[in-house]
């Protein structure tokens, strides 16, 4: 069995290494404004394909 001080030092080294790498591993979040614009465009395209239909407009209200 190894010395507790050596195990503690190894654990601290692993933690320090993980903290150094954490910034590299974190992916940036999505651009919410661009995502919302793309969803709006998709909704408009779907409505264009479906054509005018009063039942579709009624679904938004209730």
C-alpha atoms as a PDB file:
ATOM      1  CA  UNK A   1       0.000   0.000   0.000  1.00  0.00           C
ATOM      2  CA  UNK A   2       1.326   3.472  -0.843  1.00  0.00           C
ATOM      3  CA  UNK A   3       1.899   6.313   1.541  1.00  0.00           C
ATOM      4  CA  UNK A   4      -1.254   8.428   2.172  1.00  0.00           C
ATOM      5  CA  UNK A   5       0.704  11.592   1.385  1.00  0.00           C
ATOM      6  CA  UNK A   6       1.712  10.157  -2.000  1.00  0.00           C
ATOM      7  CA  UNK A   7      -1.886   9.178  -2.767  1.00  0.00           C
ATOM      8  CA  UNK A   8      -3.058  12.658  -1.790  1.00  0.00           C
ATOM      9  CA  UNK A   9      -0.436  14.252  -4.038  1.00  0.00           C
ATOM     10  CA  UNK A  10      -1.473  12.018  -6.953  1.00  0.00           C
ATOM     11  CA  UNK A  11      -5.122  12.875  -6.404  1.00  0.00           C
ATOM     12  CA  UNK A  12      -4.359  16.596  -6.318  1.00  0.00           C
ATOM     13  CA  UNK A  13      -2.315  16.287  -9.506  1.00  0.00           C
ATOM     14  CA  UNK A  14      -5.215  14.524 -11.246  1.00  0.00           C
ATOM     15  CA  UNK A  15      -7.624  17.230 -10.079  1.00  0.00           C
ATOM     16  CA  UNK A  16      -5.301  19.997 -11.296  1.00  0.00           C
ATOM     17  CA  UNK A  17      -4.934  18.255 -14.662  1.00  0.00           C
ATOM     18  CA  UNK A  18      -8.718  17.885 -14.991  1.00  0.00           C
ATOM     19  CA  UNK A  19      -9.250  21.549 -14.146  1.00  0.00           C
ATOM     20  CA  UNK A  20      -6.705  22.589 -16.780  1.00  0.00           C
ATOM     21  CA  UNK A  21      -8.482  20.489 -19.406  1.00  0.00           C
ATOM     22  CA  UNK A  22     -12.004  21.509 -18.373  1.00  0.00           C
ATOM     23  CA  UNK A  23     -11.985  24.701 -20.454  1.00  0.00           C
ATOM     24  CA  UNK A  24     -10.987  22.735 -23.557  1.00  0.00           C
ATOM     25  CA  UNK A  25     -13.722  20.132 -23.039  1.00  0.00           C
ATOM     26  CA  UNK A  26     -16.600  22.570 -22.560  1.00  0.00           C
ATOM     27  CA  UNK A  27     -18.356  23.230 -25.835  1.00  0.00           C
ATOM     28  CA  UNK A  28     -19.845  26.683 -26.353  1.00  0.00           C
ATOM     29  CA  UNK A  29     -23.611  26.879 -26.062  1.00  0.00           C
ATOM     30  CA  UNK A  30     -25.816  27.446 -29.077  1.00  0.00           C
ATOM     31  CA  UNK A  31     -26.521  30.969 -30.295  1.00  0.00           C
ATOM     32  CA  UNK A  32     -30.121  31.221 -29.105  1.00  0.00           C
ATOM     33  CA  UNK A  33     -30.980  34.174 -31.332  1.00  0.00           C
ATOM     34  CA  UNK A  34     -29.847  32.304 -34.452  1.00  0.00           C
ATOM     35  CA  UNK A  35     -31.640  29.169 -33.292  1.00  0.00           C
ATOM     36  CA  UNK A  36     -34.890  31.084 -32.763  1.00  0.00           C
ATOM     37  CA  UNK A  37     -34.585  32.707 -36.206  1.00  0.00           C
ATOM     38  CA  UNK A  38     -34.040  29.299 -37.815  1.00  0.00           C
ATOM     39  CA  UNK A  39     -37.088  27.877 -36.038  1.00  0.00           C
ATOM     40  CA  UNK A  40     -39.198  30.834 -37.198  1.00  0.00           C
ATOM     41  CA  UNK A  41     -37.994  30.301 -40.771  1.00  0.00           C
ATOM     42  CA  UNK A  42     -38.811  26.597 -40.548  1.00  0.00           C
ATOM     43  CA  UNK A  43     -42.314  27.344 -39.265  1.00  0.00           C
ATOM     44  CA  UNK A  44     -42.866  29.767 -42.138  1.00  0.00           C
ATOM     45  CA  UNK A  45     -41.699  27.172 -44.682  1.00  0.00           C
ATOM     46  CA  UNK A  46     -43.970  24.498 -43.207  1.00  0.00           C
ATOM     47  CA  UNK A  47     -46.930  26.881 -43.306  1.00  0.00           C
ATOM     48  CA  UNK A  48     -46.147  27.699 -46.942  1.00  0.00           C
ATOM     49  CA  UNK A  49     -46.089  23.997 -47.817  1.00  0.00           C
ATOM     50  CA  UNK A  50     -49.304  23.253 -45.952  1.00  0.00           C
ATOM     51  CA  UNK A  51     -51.110  26.251 -47.387  1.00  0.00           C
ATOM     52  CA  UNK A  52     -53.829  28.287 -45.714  1.00  0.00           C
ATOM     53  CA  UNK A  53     -55.893  26.263 -43.277  1.00  0.00           C
ATOM     54  CA  UNK A  54     -58.024  27.701 -40.511  1.00  0.00           C
ATOM     55  CA  UNK A  55     -57.621  24.549 -38.375  1.00  0.00           C
ATOM     56  CA  UNK A  56     -53.851  25.137 -38.201  1.00  0.00           C
ATOM     57  CA  UNK A  57     -54.354  28.726 -37.040  1.00  0.00           C
ATOM     58  CA  UNK A  58     -56.880  27.556 -34.467  1.00  0.00           C
ATOM     59  CA  UNK A  59     -54.343  25.205 -32.888  1.00  0.00           C
ATOM     60  CA  UNK A  60     -52.288  28.165 -31.678  1.00  0.00           C
ATOM     61  CA  UNK A  61     -55.164  29.562 -29.640  1.00  0.00           C
ATOM     62  CA  UNK A  62     -56.175  26.452 -27.765  1.00  0.00           C
END
